[in-house]
Protein backbone atom coordinates (compact mmCIF):
# COMPACT_ATOMS: atom_id res chain seq x y z
CA MET A 1 96.80 72.07 -86.18
CA ASN A 2 95.06 73.77 -83.57
CA GLN A 3 95.04 76.90 -85.98
CA ASN A 4 93.77 75.16 -88.68
CA HIS A 5 90.96 73.19 -86.39
CA ASP A 6 90.16 76.23 -84.48
CA LYS A 7 89.38 78.16 -87.84
CA LEU A 8 87.69 75.26 -89.10
CA VAL A 9 85.31 74.65 -86.13
CA GLY A 10 84.52 78.68 -86.36
CA LEU A 11 83.39 78.58 -90.11
CA ILE A 12 80.95 75.72 -89.11
CA TRP A 13 79.44 77.29 -86.21
CA ASN A 14 79.10 80.73 -88.40
CA ILE A 15 76.44 78.43 -89.98
CA ALA A 16 75.60 76.97 -87.87
CA ASN A 17 74.35 80.38 -86.17
CA LYS A 18 72.47 81.02 -88.78
CA LEU A 19 69.66 78.28 -87.95
CA ARG A 20 68.94 80.36 -85.62
CA GLY A 21 64.76 81.13 -85.77
CA PRO A 22 63.42 77.62 -87.34
CA TYR A 23 66.14 76.17 -85.16
CA ARG A 24 67.14 77.25 -81.17
CA PRO A 25 70.95 76.41 -80.63
CA PRO A 26 70.39 73.04 -79.28
CA GLN A 27 69.03 71.53 -82.13
CA TYR A 28 71.54 72.75 -85.22
CA ARG A 29 73.94 69.40 -84.43
CA ARG A 30 70.18 67.94 -86.43
CA VAL A 31 71.36 69.91 -88.97
CA MET A 32 75.33 70.63 -89.47
CA LEU A 33 76.55 67.07 -88.03
CA PRO A 34 75.00 65.27 -91.07
CA MET A 35 75.86 68.39 -93.72
CA THR A 36 79.51 68.10 -92.20
CA VAL A 37 79.67 64.21 -93.52
CA LEU A 38 77.83 65.09 -96.76
CA ARG A 39 80.65 67.80 -98.24
CA ARG A 40 83.36 65.75 -97.07
CA MET A 41 82.14 62.91 -99.02
CA ASP A 42 80.84 65.12 -101.78
CA LEU A 43 84.48 66.55 -101.65
CA VAL A 44 85.86 62.89 -101.69
CA LEU A 45 84.28 61.83 -104.77
CA ALA A 46 84.62 64.92 -106.72
CA PRO A 47 87.29 63.65 -109.03
CA ASN A 48 85.61 61.00 -110.79
CA LYS A 49 82.01 61.75 -110.36
CA ASP A 50 81.55 61.95 -114.47
CA LYS A 51 83.53 58.67 -114.67
CA VAL A 52 80.99 56.98 -112.32
CA LEU A 53 78.19 58.15 -114.16
CA ALA A 54 79.64 56.80 -117.40
CA GLN A 55 79.92 53.95 -116.22
CA TYR A 56 76.55 53.41 -114.29
CA GLU A 57 74.95 54.47 -117.24
CA LYS A 58 77.29 51.61 -118.82
CA LEU A 59 76.30 49.02 -116.60
CA GLN A 60 72.68 49.98 -116.26
CA ALA A 61 72.04 49.73 -120.40
CA GLN A 62 74.60 46.09 -120.11
CA GLY A 63 71.85 44.61 -117.86
CA HIS A 64 74.00 44.05 -114.62
CA SER A 65 72.90 43.31 -111.70
CA GLU A 66 72.75 45.76 -108.59
CA ASP A 67 75.23 43.46 -106.65
CA ALA A 68 77.58 43.81 -110.10
CA ILE A 69 76.91 47.34 -110.08
CA HIS A 70 77.78 47.81 -106.87
CA LYS A 71 81.55 46.36 -106.72
CA ILE A 72 82.44 47.89 -109.87
CA LEU A 73 81.21 51.41 -109.01
CA GLY A 74 82.77 51.52 -105.72
CA LYS A 75 86.35 50.81 -107.52
CA THR A 76 85.16 53.10 -109.95
CA ALA A 77 84.87 55.89 -107.68
CA THR A 78 87.73 56.30 -105.67
CA ASP A 79 90.66 54.04 -107.74
CA ASP A 80 90.17 50.30 -106.30
CA ARG A 81 88.90 51.28 -102.79
CA GLU A 82 88.09 48.33 -100.66
CA GLN A 83 84.99 49.88 -99.82
CA PRO A 84 82.51 50.81 -101.50
CA LEU A 85 81.64 54.73 -101.50
CA TYR A 86 80.40 56.01 -104.85
CA ASN A 87 77.17 58.13 -105.73
CA VAL A 88 74.86 57.48 -108.92
CA SER A 89 72.82 61.20 -109.04
CA LYS A 90 74.14 63.71 -111.28
CA TYR A 91 74.05 66.17 -108.42
CA ASP A 92 76.82 68.02 -106.28
CA PHE A 93 76.76 70.54 -104.09
CA GLU A 94 77.66 73.37 -106.82
CA LYS A 95 74.39 71.69 -109.18
CA LEU A 96 72.48 71.82 -106.07
CA LEU A 97 72.82 75.20 -106.19
CA GLY A 98 72.07 75.26 -109.77
CA ASP A 99 68.70 74.65 -109.32
CA PRO A 100 67.40 76.65 -105.97
CA ASN A 101 63.88 76.42 -107.09
CA ASN A 102 64.06 72.46 -106.57
CA ILE A 103 66.96 72.26 -104.02
CA ALA A 104 65.35 69.66 -101.54
CA ARG A 105 64.17 67.49 -103.67
CA ASN A 106 67.07 67.14 -105.77
CA LEU A 107 68.87 66.96 -102.38
CA VAL A 108 66.79 64.17 -101.15
CA THR A 109 67.47 62.42 -104.91
CA TYR A 110 71.76 63.29 -104.02
CA ILE A 111 71.83 61.20 -100.91
CA GLU A 112 69.65 58.69 -102.31
CA GLY A 113 72.24 58.03 -105.26
CA PHE A 114 75.09 57.34 -102.80
CA SER A 115 76.07 53.41 -102.16
CA PRO A 116 74.42 51.30 -99.57
CA LYS A 117 76.42 52.12 -96.39
CA ALA A 118 76.50 55.85 -96.75
CA LYS A 119 72.78 55.91 -97.58
CA ASP A 120 72.41 53.87 -93.99
CA ILE A 121 74.63 56.65 -92.50
CA PHE A 122 72.15 59.41 -93.87
CA SER A 123 69.83 57.34 -92.33
CA LYS A 124 70.59 57.23 -89.16
CA PHE A 125 71.24 61.14 -88.66
CA GLY A 126 67.66 61.11 -89.59
CA PHE A 127 68.36 63.95 -92.10
CA ASP A 128 65.45 63.74 -94.33
CA ALA A 129 62.67 65.52 -92.20
CA GLU A 130 65.47 68.08 -91.38
CA ILE A 131 65.81 68.94 -94.99
CA GLU A 132 61.64 69.31 -95.12
CA LYS A 133 61.90 71.65 -92.08
CA LEU A 134 64.85 73.68 -93.96
CA ASP A 135 63.74 73.83 -97.07
CA ASN A 136 60.41 75.52 -95.08
CA ALA A 137 62.15 77.91 -93.48
CA ASN A 138 64.26 78.80 -96.65
CA ARG A 139 67.52 77.52 -95.06
CA LEU A 140 67.94 74.97 -97.28
CA PHE A 141 70.16 77.05 -99.59
CA MET A 142 71.97 79.04 -98.02
CA VAL A 143 73.24 76.39 -95.73
CA ILE A 144 74.24 74.18 -98.89
CA GLN A 145 75.76 77.74 -100.00
CA GLU A 146 77.87 77.96 -97.27
CA PHE A 147 79.48 74.67 -97.24
CA ALA A 148 80.54 74.89 -100.53
CA LYS A 149 82.41 77.93 -99.98
CA PRO A 150 86.85 77.12 -100.32
CA GLU A 151 87.04 78.18 -97.18
CA VAL A 152 85.01 75.13 -95.75
CA ASP A 153 87.78 72.78 -97.40
CA LEU A 154 86.76 69.55 -95.69
CA HIS A 155 88.72 66.71 -98.05
CA PRO A 156 90.73 64.29 -96.16
CA ASP A 157 93.75 65.62 -97.97
CA ARG A 158 93.12 69.53 -96.23
CA VAL A 159 91.43 67.95 -93.16
CA SER A 160 92.79 64.34 -91.63
CA ASN A 161 90.31 62.03 -89.79
CA LEU A 162 92.35 62.14 -87.05
CA GLN A 163 91.78 66.50 -87.54
CA MET A 164 87.90 65.55 -88.63
CA GLY A 165 87.71 63.49 -85.47
CA TYR A 166 88.73 66.33 -83.55
CA VAL A 167 86.29 68.95 -85.11
CA PHE A 168 83.35 66.95 -84.95
CA GLU A 169 83.94 66.42 -81.04
CA GLU A 170 84.62 70.15 -80.69
CA LEU A 171 81.33 70.66 -82.45
CA VAL A 172 79.41 68.10 -80.24
CA ARG A 173 80.73 70.13 -77.12
CA LYS A 174 79.67 73.31 -78.24
CA PHE A 175 76.08 71.71 -79.04
CA ASN A 176 76.07 70.36 -76.10
CA GLU A 177 76.62 73.09 -73.65
CA GLN A 178 74.23 74.89 -75.41
CA ALA A 179 71.82 72.21 -74.41
CA ASN A 180 73.00 72.30 -71.10
CA GLU A 181 74.57 68.46 -71.71
CA GLU A 182 77.76 66.27 -70.84
CA ALA A 183 79.90 66.23 -73.33
CA GLY A 184 80.87 62.96 -71.49
CA ASP A 185 78.03 61.11 -72.61
CA HIS A 186 79.62 61.51 -76.07
CA PHE A 187 83.53 61.76 -76.38
CA THR A 188 86.14 61.29 -74.49
CA PRO A 189 89.12 63.90 -74.89
CA ARG A 190 92.20 62.53 -77.17
CA GLU A 191 94.75 63.25 -74.27
CA VAL A 192 93.18 61.02 -72.67
CA ILE A 193 92.63 59.01 -75.68
CA ARG A 194 96.60 59.69 -76.08
CA LEU A 195 97.24 58.65 -72.74
CA MET A 196 95.26 55.63 -72.69
CA ALA A 197 96.80 54.44 -75.77
CA HIS A 198 99.98 55.10 -74.88
CA LEU A 199 99.46 52.62 -71.49
CA MET A 200 98.21 50.00 -74.26
CA TYR A 201 100.75 49.69 -76.43
CA THR A 202 103.99 51.25 -75.69
CA GLU A 203 105.03 47.91 -73.81
CA ASP A 204 103.70 45.35 -76.70
CA GLU A 205 106.85 45.07 -78.68
CA ASP A 206 104.52 42.21 -80.84
CA VAL A 207 102.29 44.76 -82.20
CA TYR A 208 105.07 47.41 -83.46
CA THR A 209 106.52 43.91 -85.96
CA PRO A 210 105.35 45.01 -89.39
CA GLY A 211 102.40 42.94 -90.99
CA ILE A 212 101.42 41.86 -87.93
CA ALA A 213 97.71 41.17 -87.37
CA ARG A 214 95.69 42.73 -84.31
CA THR A 215 92.36 42.89 -83.20
CA ILE A 216 90.99 46.46 -81.47
CA TYR A 217 87.30 46.64 -80.06
CA ASP A 218 85.57 49.21 -78.05
CA PRO A 219 81.68 48.57 -76.45
CA THR A 220 80.27 51.86 -76.26
CA CYS A 221 82.59 53.43 -79.50
CA GLY A 222 80.60 57.09 -79.68
CA THR A 223 81.98 58.80 -82.64
CA GLY A 224 84.84 55.96 -82.78
CA GLY A 225 87.86 58.39 -81.21
CA MET A 226 89.41 55.49 -79.52
CA LEU A 227 89.48 52.96 -82.37
CA SER A 228 91.24 56.46 -84.39
CA VAL A 229 93.74 57.00 -81.64
CA SER A 230 94.78 53.32 -81.50
CA GLU A 231 95.00 52.93 -85.14
CA GLU A 232 97.03 56.11 -85.97
CA TYR A 233 99.48 55.73 -82.25
CA ILE A 234 100.73 52.02 -83.55
CA ARG A 235 100.81 52.86 -87.39
CA GLU A 236 103.08 55.94 -86.59
CA GLN A 237 105.28 53.16 -85.50
CA ASN A 238 104.35 50.36 -87.47
CA PRO A 239 102.80 51.18 -91.33
CA GLN A 240 102.68 48.12 -92.55
CA ALA A 241 100.84 46.38 -88.92
CA ASN A 242 96.81 44.94 -90.04
CA LEU A 243 94.52 46.42 -87.54
CA ILE A 244 90.85 45.77 -87.32
CA LEU A 245 88.41 47.98 -85.85
CA TYR A 246 85.68 46.79 -83.84
CA GLY A 247 82.80 48.47 -82.10
CA GLN A 248 79.21 49.03 -80.85
CA GLU A 249 77.07 52.23 -80.25
CA TYR A 250 73.68 52.14 -78.95
CA ASN A 251 73.18 56.12 -80.49
CA ALA A 252 72.50 56.52 -84.12
CA GLU A 253 74.23 60.04 -84.43
CA SER A 254 77.76 58.98 -83.00
CA TYR A 255 77.06 55.54 -84.95
CA ALA A 256 76.77 57.81 -87.86
CA ILE A 257 79.76 59.75 -87.61
CA CYS A 258 81.91 56.99 -86.71
CA CYS A 259 80.86 54.65 -89.22
CA SER A 260 81.14 57.99 -92.09
CA ASP A 261 84.87 57.97 -90.51
CA LEU A 262 85.70 54.99 -91.94
CA LEU A 263 83.71 54.70 -94.95
CA ILE A 264 86.04 57.84 -95.86
CA LYS A 265 89.03 55.52 -94.77
CA ASP A 266 88.18 53.11 -97.18
CA GLU A 267 88.16 50.52 -93.86
CA PRO A 268 85.31 48.08 -93.21
CA ILE A 269 81.93 49.87 -91.30
CA ASP A 270 80.44 46.34 -90.79
CA ASN A 271 82.33 45.41 -87.89
CA ILE A 272 80.53 48.68 -86.16
CA HIS A 273 77.48 47.44 -84.63
CA PHE A 274 74.38 49.77 -84.68
CA GLY A 275 72.53 48.84 -80.95
CA ASP A 276 73.06 48.80 -77.23
CA THR A 277 75.69 46.12 -76.45
CA LEU A 278 74.57 45.22 -72.95
CA GLY A 279 71.16 44.28 -74.79
CA ASP A 280 68.04 46.22 -74.02
CA GLY A 281 65.78 43.76 -75.99
CA LYS A 282 65.64 45.60 -79.19
CA SER A 283 69.78 45.05 -79.59
CA GLU A 284 72.39 42.92 -78.32
CA ASP A 285 76.05 42.30 -78.47
CA GLY A 286 77.03 42.74 -81.73
CA HIS A 287 80.41 40.59 -81.36
CA PRO A 288 79.22 37.76 -79.06
CA ASP A 289 81.69 35.40 -80.03
CA LYS A 290 84.96 36.96 -80.81
CA LYS A 291 87.64 37.47 -79.01
CA PHE A 292 90.29 40.83 -79.26
CA HIS A 293 93.62 41.65 -78.76
CA TYR A 294 93.46 45.13 -77.42
CA MET A 295 89.94 46.67 -76.31
CA LEU A 296 89.19 50.40 -75.28
CA ALA A 297 86.12 51.81 -73.41
CA ASN A 298 84.63 54.82 -72.12
CA PRO A 299 81.67 53.70 -70.61
CA PRO A 300 78.74 55.99 -69.46
CA PHE A 301 79.36 57.09 -66.29
CA GLY A 302 76.18 56.87 -63.41
CA VAL A 303 74.01 55.15 -65.53
CA GLU A 304 71.05 53.55 -65.10
CA TRP A 305 70.89 50.07 -66.67
CA LYS A 306 67.11 49.48 -65.74
CA SER A 307 65.98 48.84 -69.04
CA GLN A 308 68.79 46.38 -69.95
CA GLN A 309 68.16 44.81 -66.27
CA SER A 310 65.92 41.89 -67.72
CA ILE A 311 68.17 40.78 -70.93
CA VAL A 312 71.44 40.96 -68.25
CA GLN A 313 69.56 38.85 -65.02
CA LYS A 314 68.54 36.62 -67.90
CA GLU A 315 72.22 35.73 -68.98
CA ALA A 316 73.34 36.11 -65.56
CA ASP A 317 71.22 33.21 -64.62
CA ALA A 318 71.25 30.88 -67.35
CA LEU A 319 75.19 31.06 -68.03
CA GLY A 320 76.80 31.93 -65.00
CA PHE A 321 80.76 32.76 -65.88
CA SER A 322 79.95 30.78 -69.51
CA GLY A 323 78.37 34.20 -70.42
CA ARG A 324 79.24 38.01 -69.35
CA PHE A 325 78.02 38.90 -65.79
CA GLY A 326 78.93 35.37 -63.73
CA ALA A 327 80.60 37.63 -61.48
CA GLY A 328 77.68 39.61 -60.46
CA THR A 329 75.90 42.25 -61.80
CA PRO A 330 75.85 46.49 -59.94
CA ARG A 331 73.22 48.40 -58.56
CA ILE A 332 70.78 49.51 -60.55
CA ASN A 333 72.02 53.22 -61.28
CA ASP A 334 75.17 52.18 -62.01
CA GLY A 335 76.44 49.65 -65.08
CA ALA A 336 79.71 50.92 -65.97
CA LEU A 337 81.20 47.43 -64.30
CA LEU A 338 79.33 45.59 -66.64
CA PHE A 339 80.44 46.94 -70.15
CA LEU A 340 84.33 45.53 -67.99
CA GLN A 341 82.86 42.79 -67.22
CA THR A 342 82.00 42.34 -70.69
CA MET A 343 85.37 43.20 -72.19
CA ILE A 344 87.02 40.66 -69.57
CA SER A 345 84.69 37.79 -71.36
CA LYS A 346 85.98 38.60 -74.81
CA MET A 347 89.71 38.30 -73.91
CA ARG A 348 92.02 35.96 -76.00
CA PRO A 349 93.06 32.86 -74.08
CA SER A 350 96.39 34.23 -72.08
CA PRO A 351 99.57 32.38 -72.37
CA GLU A 352 99.48 30.74 -69.76
CA ILE A 353 97.64 27.96 -72.15
CA GLY A 354 98.93 28.33 -75.62
CA GLY A 355 97.11 32.24 -75.91
CA ASP A 356 98.46 35.27 -76.63
CA GLY A 357 96.04 36.80 -74.41
CA SER A 358 94.36 40.58 -74.08
CA LYS A 359 94.88 43.73 -73.01
CA ILE A 360 91.83 46.60 -71.79
CA ALA A 361 91.67 50.34 -70.49
CA ILE A 362 88.64 51.51 -68.97
CA VAL A 363 87.37 54.80 -67.79
CA PHE A 364 85.31 54.86 -64.79
CA ASN A 365 84.60 57.47 -62.01
CA GLY A 366 84.46 56.71 -58.54
CA SER A 367 81.92 54.67 -58.33
CA PRO A 368 83.01 51.29 -59.81
CA LEU A 369 86.32 51.53 -57.06
CA PHE A 370 84.77 52.64 -54.48
CA THR A 371 80.81 51.85 -54.05
CA GLY A 372 79.28 48.99 -52.51
CA ASP A 373 80.26 46.54 -49.03
CA ALA A 374 81.65 43.38 -48.92
CA GLY A 375 79.60 40.56 -50.54
CA SER A 376 77.62 43.49 -52.75
CA GLY A 377 77.80 43.08 -56.99
CA GLU A 378 80.51 45.63 -57.17
CA SER A 379 82.89 44.13 -54.75
CA ASN A 380 82.05 40.38 -56.19
CA ILE A 381 83.00 41.97 -59.50
CA ARG A 382 86.16 43.43 -58.17
CA ARG A 383 87.25 40.39 -55.52
CA TRP A 384 86.43 38.42 -59.21
CA ILE A 385 88.90 40.49 -61.11
CA ILE A 386 91.59 40.65 -58.46
CA GLU A 387 92.07 36.83 -57.24
CA ASN A 388 92.27 35.90 -61.26
CA ASP A 389 95.58 38.41 -61.28
CA TRP A 390 94.27 40.38 -64.21
CA LEU A 391 94.15 44.17 -62.40
CA ASP A 392 97.39 45.61 -63.60
CA ALA A 393 97.14 49.18 -62.92
CA ILE A 394 94.82 52.22 -61.92
CA ILE A 395 95.59 55.54 -62.70
CA ALA A 396 93.85 58.19 -60.84
CA LEU A 397 93.43 61.59 -64.22
CA PRO A 398 93.27 64.94 -62.87
CA ASP A 399 89.77 66.54 -62.56
CA GLN A 400 87.99 68.92 -64.56
CA MET A 401 88.91 66.55 -67.38
CA PHE A 402 85.45 65.51 -69.05
CA TYR A 403 83.82 69.00 -69.98
CA ASN A 404 81.62 70.17 -67.89
CA THR A 405 81.65 68.02 -65.26
CA GLY A 406 84.97 68.13 -62.19
CA ILE A 407 83.85 64.15 -60.98
CA PHE A 408 87.15 62.12 -60.75
CA THR A 409 87.73 59.75 -63.08
CA TYR A 410 90.32 56.68 -63.36
CA ILE A 411 91.71 54.98 -66.30
CA TRP A 412 91.24 50.49 -65.18
CA ILE A 413 94.54 48.26 -67.30
CA VAL A 414 93.47 44.67 -67.02
CA SER A 415 95.31 42.15 -68.76
CA ASN A 416 95.73 38.20 -68.71
CA ARG A 417 99.40 38.59 -69.86
CA LYS A 418 100.90 40.50 -67.58
CA ARG A 419 104.27 40.85 -67.09
CA PRO A 420 106.31 38.06 -65.00
CA GLU A 421 107.70 41.34 -63.00
CA ARG A 422 103.78 42.09 -62.36
CA ARG A 423 102.39 39.36 -61.49
CA GLY A 424 100.28 39.19 -58.12
CA LYS A 425 100.41 43.85 -58.40
CA VAL A 426 98.77 46.38 -59.03
CA GLN A 427 100.16 49.23 -59.91
CA LEU A 428 98.38 52.69 -58.33
CA ILE A 429 98.95 55.99 -60.11
CA ASP A 430 98.07 59.40 -59.71
CA VAL A 431 98.20 61.90 -62.39
CA TYR A 432 98.37 65.46 -61.61
CA VAL A 433 98.94 69.03 -64.48
CA VAL A 434 101.97 71.44 -63.98
CA ARG A 435 100.25 74.42 -64.76
């Protein structure tokens, strides 16, 4: 997998370098991420393309409604999919290359021909503006030609969704490196996610019961890495598990990648909400009344929450402990503990009151652990968590785990269904790497 992964990332990066001139390296992502998604969808839909076009023409002639056409084509396109993914334009990569003089117009028509959810993905990428720019710079034909080469084979049969997640994250890392940004703002290393999954699911025997139904939530889901790895981890031992994934993401590009991954896997994307989980006046918590069995997150490190302050404080004052922020609010320059409080508010009832409870794994830097004197917001939040006996363990990770930063990071395990022998205790674990 590593060899194929490196080769594929190298191929895509080589294409990106052909954009130099009209684009600076930090801007490559504007083209390369949506084009990678587009090529993957193109390959997924290729086997049934002619059948879909014939069916679409027939349904239109018969006067079917748009809703009916949508449902029928969703099943026609890829053999009875649950999540409709199809394209009703006559174009694919091969036909686009066959008309180089009109390639920009035809590419827009091609994208407009996708099913609604897929179209929304490209809208979130803002790809229309890049098509015009690429065409004006005489780069559009070249980019499509490069992606159409056989060696850039992104079909899920050759590149699994898990592998594709690695590819996207490596590309994001390289793009951020060019922009001198920290990739930790965008994704969590898969090694850290695998550790979180191991900590979350290893001792939970119920999740490995065939046919069991479980919900998994990430309030800052990014490109969906935590959701995907959790799903893979559980299905490795329980292929019959009924897993429902939920998430929220405020970055349009990351949201688009996450949704494209789920759509290609034929999984619901309506459960992934676009917007700010804390609430910023334009968006709000996308899952306000839901409770989840498992929750994982890597909220932004050391990011101020001034733009969300009025919404958060209003909820804290009005709802107290009936809302998310009754225990208090942290200082304005780091809102990480607000995300943990949001997750705690979504825990299912504990076994003591007849429920099945929840488990949380969240990645923090040192601020939520060490910042704040007695009586401060951070201290009151920690006290509230400990006095309710929800804090199960804190795992200190080695430094250099997150790209471009040497800060120390910690995984907090929080649960309202601790095993009897762990009640009243907090386990502290220091992880180190032997080199």
